[in-house]
Amino acid sequence: MYLIVVGAGRIGNRVIELATHDGHEVVVIEKNTDLAEVTSSKYDCLVINDDASKNDVLEDAGIEEADALITTTNDDSTNLLVMMLGRRYNVPRLLSSVREPDHISLFDELDIDSVESPHRLNGEFLYKTIQRPGIKDFMRLDGGAEIVEVVLEKESSLIGLTIIEALESEKVAEDVIIVAIYREGELIIPRGNTKFEAGDTITVLSKEGIGEDVIQTFKPR
């Protein structure tokens, strides 16, 4: 992927670290000169020391070719403006951190993916969300296990199946545990005879980590 990351602070730094480690092409836009210099010397990426809210700066960063634009600054107004510009350039994936929970609705109104609450403000979550659209939350556990929340889409092959049926048909792998299901605002403790329904938000635990194969289980057939 070709990623543009705006902001090289604590959150942005983690996104940059993960993305460059995975071999993605990364361009960083950071207004603070010291942070820009540190990032440039630390990671294999292009760093632009400028204001990302300017059209010409985004164009220099290759916004027209970008697969994803991630904003991680501490200023929600800057993040929102950059997201709006990204929408204008038709960037396929737009994702932003939100510092103040009260501002989340502004991002939602523009149909922009955003971190939903302060405790989720971490670069790893943002990076995983770019990699795996549909993830609502993410947590890594010791030993490589991962927990995610993912929305069950209406065309998924799991719709109408019970958990037992999904396991027996191998649509859900043996190392995957359905921890919880949120349906219409209510928590359901899953049992073997619990059926999957479209729109369910499912908390999934995998001891081997959540790979694309697991995420595809909850997507359309």
C-alpha atoms as a PDB file:
ATOM      1  CA  MET A   1       0.000   0.000   0.000  1.00  0.00           C
ATOM      2  CA  TYR A   2       0.914   3.637  -0.483  1.00  0.00           C
ATOM      3  CA  LEU A   3       0.165   5.442   2.792  1.00  0.00           C
ATOM      4  CA  ILE A   4       0.244   9.108   3.719  1.00  0.00           C
ATOM      5  CA  VAL A   5       0.521   9.688   7.460  1.00  0.00           C
ATOM      6  CA  VAL A   6      -0.121  13.175   8.809  1.00  0.00           C
ATOM      7  CA  GLY A   7       1.571  13.756  12.147  1.00  0.00           C
ATOM      8  CA  ALA A   8       4.628  11.993  13.557  1.00  0.00           C
ATOM      9  CA  GLY A   9       3.831  12.196  17.263  1.00  0.00           C
ATOM     10  CA  ARG A  10       3.210   9.203  19.520  1.00  0.00           C
ATOM     11  CA  ILE A  11       0.310   7.792  17.511  1.00  0.00           C
ATOM     12  CA  GLY A  12       1.703   8.613  14.081  1.00  0.00           C
ATOM     13  CA  ASN A  13       5.107   7.246  15.013  1.00  0.00           C
ATOM     14  CA  ARG A  14       3.603   3.824  15.730  1.00  0.00           C
ATOM     15  CA  VAL A  15       1.716   3.807  12.419  1.00  0.00           C
ATOM     16  CA  ILE A  16       4.922   4.722  10.564  1.00  0.00           C
ATOM     17  CA  GLU A  17       6.909   2.047  12.404  1.00  0.00           C
ATOM     18  CA  LEU A  18       4.420  -0.708  11.559  1.00  0.00           C
ATOM     19  CA  ALA A  19       3.850   0.351   7.965  1.00  0.00           C
ATOM     20  CA  THR A  20       7.518   0.703   7.057  1.00  0.00           C
ATOM     21  CA  HIS A  21       8.326  -2.592   8.794  1.00  0.00           C
ATOM     22  CA  ASP A  22       5.726  -4.296   6.580  1.00  0.00           C
ATOM     23  CA  GLY A  23       7.324  -2.795   3.472  1.00  0.00           C
ATOM     24  CA  HIS A  24       4.597  -0.317   2.557  1.00  0.00           C
ATOM     25  CA  GLU A  25       5.479   2.920   0.810  1.00  0.00           C
ATOM     26  CA  VAL A  26       4.987   5.680   3.370  1.00  0.00           C
ATOM     27  CA  VAL A  27       5.001   9.458   3.086  1.00  0.00           C
ATOM     28  CA  VAL A  28       4.862  11.452   6.316  1.00  0.00           C
ATOM     29  CA  ILE A  29       3.739  15.069   6.611  1.00  0.00           C
ATOM     30  CA  GLU A  30       4.870  16.691   9.861  1.00  0.00           C
ATOM     31  CA  LYS A  31       4.777  20.423  10.576  1.00  0.00           C
ATOM     32  CA  ASN A  32       7.184  20.298  13.526  1.00  0.00           C
ATOM     33  CA  THR A  33      10.747  20.487  12.190  1.00  0.00           C
ATOM     34  CA  ASP A  34      12.342  18.502  15.029  1.00  0.00           C
ATOM     35  CA  LEU A  35       9.830  15.672  14.735  1.00  0.00           C
ATOM     36  CA  ALA A  36      10.215  15.657  10.960  1.00  0.00           C
ATOM     37  CA  GLU A  37      14.005  15.327  11.229  1.00  0.00           C
ATOM     38  CA  VAL A  38      13.800  12.529  13.816  1.00  0.00           C
ATOM     39  CA  THR A  39      11.267  10.610  11.721  1.00  0.00           C
ATOM     40  CA  SER A  40      13.332  10.995   8.567  1.00  0.00           C
ATOM     41  CA  SER A  41      16.436   9.605  10.262  1.00  0.00           C
ATOM     42  CA  LYS A  42      14.589   6.780  12.004  1.00  0.00           C
ATOM     43  CA  TYR A  43      12.400   5.297   9.251  1.00  0.00           C
ATOM     44  CA  ASP A  44      12.673   4.417   5.583  1.00  0.00           C
ATOM     45  CA  CYS A  45      10.078   6.884   4.346  1.00  0.00           C
ATOM     46  CA  LEU A  46       9.731  10.280   2.729  1.00  0.00           C
ATOM     47  CA  VAL A  47       9.095  13.042   5.268  1.00  0.00           C
ATOM     48  CA  ILE A  48       7.652  16.413   4.241  1.00  0.00           C
ATOM     49  CA  ASN A  49       8.143  19.168   6.815  1.00  0.00           C
ATOM     50  CA  ASP A  50       5.054  21.251   6.102  1.00  0.00           C
ATOM     51  CA  ASP A  51       1.357  21.822   6.782  1.00  0.00           C
ATOM     52  CA  ALA A  52      -0.831  18.967   5.500  1.00  0.00           C
ATOM     53  CA  SER A  53      -3.887  21.213   5.252  1.00  0.00           C
ATOM     54  CA  LYS A  54      -2.434  22.789   2.098  1.00  0.00           C
ATOM     55  CA  ASN A  55      -3.455  21.331  -1.251  1.00  0.00           C
ATOM     56  CA  ASP A  56       0.005  21.678  -2.756  1.00  0.00           C
ATOM     57  CA  VAL A  57       1.598  19.834   0.174  1.00  0.00           C
ATOM     58  CA  LEU A  58      -0.799  16.911  -0.226  1.00  0.00           C
ATOM     59  CA  GLU A  59      -0.109  16.866  -3.947  1.00  0.00           C
ATOM     60  CA  ASP A  60       3.647  16.792  -3.270  1.00  0.00           C
ATOM     61  CA  ALA A  61       2.975  13.818  -1.009  1.00  0.00           C
ATOM     62  CA  GLY A  62       1.292  12.004  -3.888  1.00  0.00           C
ATOM     63  CA  ILE A  63      -2.275  12.227  -2.617  1.00  0.00           C
ATOM     64  CA  GLU A  64      -3.675  11.297  -6.028  1.00  0.00           C
ATOM     65  CA  GLU A  65      -1.933   7.906  -5.894  1.00  0.00           C
ATOM     66  CA  ALA A  66      -2.437   7.196  -2.189  1.00  0.00           C
ATOM     67  CA  ASP A  67      -4.270   4.060  -1.076  1.00  0.00           C
ATOM     68  CA  ALA A  68      -4.864   5.485   2.390  1.00  0.00           C
ATOM     69  CA  LEU A  69      -4.602   8.770   4.287  1.00  0.00           C
ATOM     70  CA  ILE A  70      -4.210   8.667   8.084  1.00  0.00           C
ATOM     71  CA  THR A  71      -4.297  11.789  10.259  1.00  0.00           C
ATOM     72  CA  THR A  72      -2.887  11.576  13.783  1.00  0.00           C
ATOM     73  CA  THR A  73      -2.364  15.165  14.922  1.00  0.00           C
ATOM     74  CA  ASN A  74      -3.551  16.506  18.289  1.00  0.00           C
ATOM     75  CA  ASP A  75      -5.768  19.066  16.538  1.00  0.00           C
ATOM     76  CA  ASP A  76      -9.162  17.670  15.536  1.00  0.00           C
ATOM     77  CA  SER A  77      -9.880  20.614  13.244  1.00  0.00           C
ATOM     78  CA  THR A  78      -6.680  19.912  11.303  1.00  0.00           C
ATOM     79  CA  ASN A  79      -7.501  16.227  11.121  1.00  0.00           C
ATOM     80  CA  LEU A  80     -11.007  16.959   9.865  1.00  0.00           C
ATOM     81  CA  LEU A  81      -9.798  19.403   7.227  1.00  0.00           C
ATOM     82  CA  VAL A  82      -7.188  16.968   5.929  1.00  0.00           C
ATOM     83  CA  MET A  83      -9.828  14.218   5.789  1.00  0.00           C
ATOM     84  CA  MET A  84     -12.093  16.504   3.754  1.00  0.00           C
ATOM     85  CA  LEU A  85      -9.255  17.195   1.341  1.00  0.00           C
ATOM     86  CA  GLY A  86      -8.551  13.482   1.118  1.00  0.00           C
ATOM     87  CA  ARG A  87     -12.193  12.919   0.176  1.00  0.00           C
ATOM     88  CA  ARG A  88     -11.859  15.556  -2.540  1.00  0.00           C
ATOM     89  CA  TYR A  89      -8.915  13.630  -3.997  1.00  0.00           C
ATOM     90  CA  ASN A  90     -10.888  10.358  -3.817  1.00  0.00           C
ATOM     91  CA  VAL A  91      -8.443   8.574  -1.516  1.00  0.00           C
ATOM     92  CA  PRO A  92      -9.895   5.055  -1.064  1.00  0.00           C
ATOM     93  CA  ARG A  93      -9.300   4.826   2.708  1.00  0.00           C
ATOM     94  CA  LEU A  94      -9.555   7.737   5.112  1.00  0.00           C
ATOM     95  CA  LEU A  95      -8.875   7.262   8.815  1.00  0.00           C
ATOM     96  CA  SER A  96      -8.338   9.756  11.600  1.00  0.00           C
ATOM     97  CA  SER A  97      -7.685   9.825  15.308  1.00  0.00           C
ATOM     98  CA  VAL A  98     -10.062  12.065  17.285  1.00  0.00           C
ATOM     99  CA  ARG A  99      -8.791  13.747  20.422  1.00  0.00           C
ATOM    100  CA  GLU A 100     -12.124  14.968  21.814  1.00  0.00           C
ATOM    101  CA  PRO A 101     -14.975  12.409  21.927  1.00  0.00           C
ATOM    102  CA  ASP A 102     -17.513  15.190  21.318  1.00  0.00           C
ATOM    103  CA  HIS A 103     -16.001  15.693  17.864  1.00  0.00           C
ATOM    104  CA  ILE A 104     -16.570  12.118  16.698  1.00  0.00           C
ATOM    105  CA  SER A 105     -19.992  13.003  15.283  1.00  0.00           C
ATOM    106  CA  LEU A 106     -18.367  15.523  12.920  1.00  0.00           C
ATOM    107  CA  PHE A 107     -16.288  12.755  11.358  1.00  0.00           C
ATOM    108  CA  ASP A 108     -19.258  10.390  11.301  1.00  0.00           C
ATOM    109  CA  GLU A 109     -21.389  12.932   9.426  1.00  0.00           C
ATOM    110  CA  LEU A 110     -18.765  12.985   6.676  1.00  0.00           C
ATOM    111  CA  ASP A 111     -18.612   9.170   6.660  1.00  0.00           C
ATOM    112  CA  ILE A 112     -14.949   9.220   7.697  1.00  0.00           C
ATOM    113  CA  ASP A 113     -13.540   6.302   9.676  1.00  0.00           C
ATOM    114  CA  SER A 114     -12.277   7.497  13.027  1.00  0.00           C
ATOM    115  CA  VAL A 115     -11.032   6.230  16.344  1.00  0.00           C
ATOM    116  CA  GLU A 116     -14.131   6.185  18.519  1.00  0.00           C
ATOM    117  CA  SER A 117     -12.813   7.063  21.966  1.00  0.00           C
ATOM    118  CA  PRO A 118      -9.631   8.315  23.666  1.00  0.00           C
ATOM    119  CA  HIS A 119      -8.576   4.919  25.054  1.00  0.00           C
ATOM    120  CA  ARG A 120      -8.331   3.636  21.478  1.00  0.00           C
ATOM    121  CA  LEU A 121      -5.926   6.342  20.408  1.00  0.00           C
ATOM    122  CA  ASN A 122      -3.004   4.157  19.465  1.00  0.00           C
ATOM    123  CA  GLY A 123      -1.128   3.796  16.231  1.00  0.00           C
ATOM    124  CA  GLU A 124      -1.436   0.024  16.071  1.00  0.00           C
ATOM    125  CA  PHE A 125      -5.228   0.204  16.042  1.00  0.00           C
ATOM    126  CA  LEU A 126      -5.197   2.819  13.276  1.00  0.00           C
ATOM    127  CA  TYR A 127      -2.792   0.758  11.207  1.00  0.00           C
ATOM    128  CA  LYS A 128      -4.777  -2.449  11.658  1.00  0.00           C
ATOM    129  CA  THR A 129      -7.957  -0.649  10.644  1.00  0.00           C
ATOM    130  CA  ILE A 130      -6.373   0.548   7.401  1.00  0.00           C
ATOM    131  CA  GLN A 131      -5.228  -2.995   6.685  1.00  0.00           C
ATOM    132  CA  ARG A 132      -8.521  -4.598   7.626  1.00  0.00           C
ATOM    133  CA  PRO A 133     -11.605  -2.489   6.840  1.00  0.00           C
ATOM    134  CA  GLY A 134     -14.535  -3.381   9.051  1.00  0.00           C
ATOM    135  CA  ILE A 135     -12.592  -3.741  12.285  1.00  0.00           C
ATOM    136  CA  LYS A 136     -14.122  -1.626  15.048  1.00  0.00           C
ATOM    137  CA  ASP A 137     -11.601  -2.340  17.799  1.00  0.00           C
ATOM    138  CA  PHE A 138      -8.349  -4.202  18.185  1.00  0.00           C
ATOM    139  CA  MET A 139      -6.215  -5.547  21.017  1.00  0.00           C
ATOM    140  CA  ARG A 140      -3.056  -7.646  20.983  1.00  0.00           C
ATOM    141  CA  LEU A 141      -2.493 -10.141  23.788  1.00  0.00           C
ATOM    142  CA  ASP A 142       0.653 -11.883  24.995  1.00  0.00           C
ATOM    143  CA  GLY A 143       1.755 -14.802  22.848  1.00  0.00           C
ATOM    144  CA  GLY A 144       0.475 -13.402  19.562  1.00  0.00           C
ATOM    145  CA  ALA A 145      -3.249 -13.745  20.242  1.00  0.00           C
ATOM    146  CA  GLU A 146      -5.510 -10.921  19.093  1.00  0.00           C
ATOM    147  CA  ILE A 147      -9.033  -9.708  19.848  1.00  0.00           C
ATOM    148  CA  VAL A 148     -11.050  -7.667  17.368  1.00  0.00           C
ATOM    149  CA  GLU A 149     -14.577  -6.349  17.015  1.00  0.00           C
ATOM    150  CA  VAL A 150     -15.938  -6.765  13.504  1.00  0.00           C
ATOM    151  CA  VAL A 151     -19.362  -6.086  11.979  1.00  0.00           C
ATOM    152  CA  LEU A 152     -21.079  -9.026  10.282  1.00  0.00           C
ATOM    153  CA  GLU A 153     -22.114  -7.907   6.812  1.00  0.00           C
ATOM    154  CA  LYS A 154     -25.500  -8.932   5.444  1.00  0.00           C
ATOM    155  CA  GLU A 155     -24.058 -10.997   2.588  1.00  0.00           C
ATOM    156  CA  SER A 156     -21.768 -13.021   4.868  1.00  0.00           C
ATOM    157  CA  SER A 157     -22.045 -16.798   4.571  1.00  0.00           C
ATOM    158  CA  LEU A 158     -22.416 -16.950   8.367  1.00  0.00           C
ATOM    159  CA  ILE A 159     -25.865 -15.356   8.344  1.00  0.00           C
ATOM    160  CA  GLY A 160     -28.461 -17.753   9.742  1.00  0.00           C
ATOM    161  CA  LEU A 161     -25.906 -20.282  10.976  1.00  0.00           C
ATOM    162  CA  THR A 162     -25.454 -21.180  14.610  1.00  0.00           C
ATOM    163  CA  ILE A 163     -21.975 -21.047  16.086  1.00  0.00           C
ATOM    164  CA  ILE A 164     -21.874 -24.865  16.146  1.00  0.00           C
ATOM    165  CA  GLU A 165     -22.883 -25.038  12.469  1.00  0.00           C
ATOM    166  CA  ALA A 166     -20.233 -22.463  11.552  1.00  0.00           C
ATOM    167  CA  LEU A 167     -17.557 -24.515  13.318  1.00  0.00           C
ATOM    168  CA  GLU A 168     -18.714 -27.840  11.867  1.00  0.00           C
ATOM    169  CA  SER A 169     -18.721 -26.421   8.346  1.00  0.00           C
ATOM    170  CA  GLU A 170     -15.271 -24.896   9.010  1.00  0.00           C
ATOM    171  CA  LYS A 171     -16.531 -21.431   8.120  1.00  0.00           C
ATOM    172  CA  VAL A 172     -15.100 -20.414  11.486  1.00  0.00           C
ATOM    173  CA  ALA A 173     -11.667 -21.866  12.277  1.00  0.00           C
ATOM    174  CA  GLU A 174     -11.100 -23.995  15.371  1.00  0.00           C
ATOM    175  CA  ASP A 175      -8.673 -21.493  16.891  1.00  0.00           C
ATOM    176  CA  VAL A 176     -11.254 -18.681  16.670  1.00  0.00           C
ATOM    177  CA  ILE A 177     -13.500 -18.029  19.671  1.00  0.00           C
ATOM    178  CA  ILE A 178     -16.652 -15.905  19.471  1.00  0.00           C
ATOM    179  CA  VAL A 179     -16.398 -13.967  22.734  1.00  0.00           C
ATOM    180  CA  ALA A 180     -19.453 -11.713  22.518  1.00  0.00           C
ATOM    181  CA  ILE A 181     -22.128 -10.465  20.138  1.00  0.00           C
ATOM    182  CA  TYR A 182     -23.651  -6.979  20.276  1.00  0.00           C
ATOM    183  CA  ARG A 183     -27.034  -6.841  18.564  1.00  0.00           C
ATOM    184  CA  GLU A 184     -29.153  -3.693  18.444  1.00  0.00           C
ATOM    185  CA  GLY A 185     -27.329  -2.302  21.447  1.00  0.00           C
ATOM    186  CA  GLU A 186     -27.685  -5.436  23.572  1.00  0.00           C
ATOM    187  CA  LEU A 187     -24.913  -7.800  24.662  1.00  0.00           C
ATOM    188  CA  ILE A 188     -25.426 -11.472  23.831  1.00  0.00           C
ATOM    189  CA  ILE A 189     -23.279 -14.099  25.532  1.00  0.00           C
ATOM    190  CA  PRO A 190     -22.775 -16.577  22.662  1.00  0.00           C
ATOM    191  CA  ARG A 191     -23.720 -20.229  23.023  1.00  0.00           C
ATOM    192  CA  GLY A 192     -23.446 -23.066  20.553  1.00  0.00           C
ATOM    193  CA  ASN A 193     -26.992 -22.509  19.318  1.00  0.00           C
ATOM    194  CA  THR A 194     -26.661 -18.728  18.977  1.00  0.00           C
ATOM    195  CA  LYS A 195     -27.370 -17.680  15.393  1.00  0.00           C
ATOM    196  CA  PHE A 196     -25.456 -15.028  13.491  1.00  0.00           C
ATOM    197  CA  GLU A 197     -27.512 -12.097  12.189  1.00  0.00           C
ATOM    198  CA  ALA A 198     -26.622  -9.308   9.767  1.00  0.00           C
ATOM    199  CA  GLY A 199     -25.313  -6.224  11.521  1.00  0.00           C
ATOM    200  CA  ASP A 200     -24.041  -8.095  14.574  1.00  0.00           C
ATOM    201  CA  THR A 201     -20.897  -6.622  16.093  1.00  0.00           C
ATOM    202  CA  ILE A 202     -18.873  -9.682  16.979  1.00  0.00           C
ATOM    203  CA  THR A 203     -15.939  -9.816  19.384  1.00  0.00           C
ATOM    204  CA  VAL A 204     -13.518 -12.438  18.081  1.00  0.00           C
ATOM    205  CA  LEU A 205     -10.467 -13.969  19.773  1.00  0.00           C
ATOM    206  CA  SER A 206      -7.827 -15.862  17.804  1.00  0.00           C
ATOM    207  CA  LYS A 207      -4.787 -17.360  19.491  1.00  0.00           C
ATOM    208  CA  GLU A 208      -2.895 -17.251  16.175  1.00  0.00           C
ATOM    209  CA  GLY A 209      -3.707 -13.608  15.480  1.00  0.00           C
ATOM    210  CA  ILE A 210      -6.423 -12.103  13.299  1.00  0.00           C
ATOM    211  CA  GLY A 211      -5.391 -12.578   9.696  1.00  0.00           C
ATOM    212  CA  GLU A 212      -7.206 -11.644   6.517  1.00  0.00           C
ATOM    213  CA  ASP A 213      -8.670 -15.147   6.334  1.00  0.00           C
ATOM    214  CA  VAL A 214     -10.468 -14.583   9.638  1.00  0.00           C
ATOM    215  CA  ILE A 215     -11.765 -11.150   8.611  1.00  0.00           C
ATOM    216  CA  GLN A 216     -13.037 -12.520   5.289  1.00  0.00           C
ATOM    217  CA  THR A 217     -15.265 -14.903   7.258  1.00  0.00           C
ATOM    218  CA  PHE A 218     -17.474 -11.996   8.253  1.00  0.00           C
ATOM    219  CA  LYS A 219     -17.546 -10.318   4.856  1.00  0.00           C
ATOM    220  CA  PRO A 220     -19.841 -11.021   1.871  1.00  0.00           C
ATOM    221  CA  ARG A 221     -19.728 -14.438   0.204  1.00  0.00           C
END
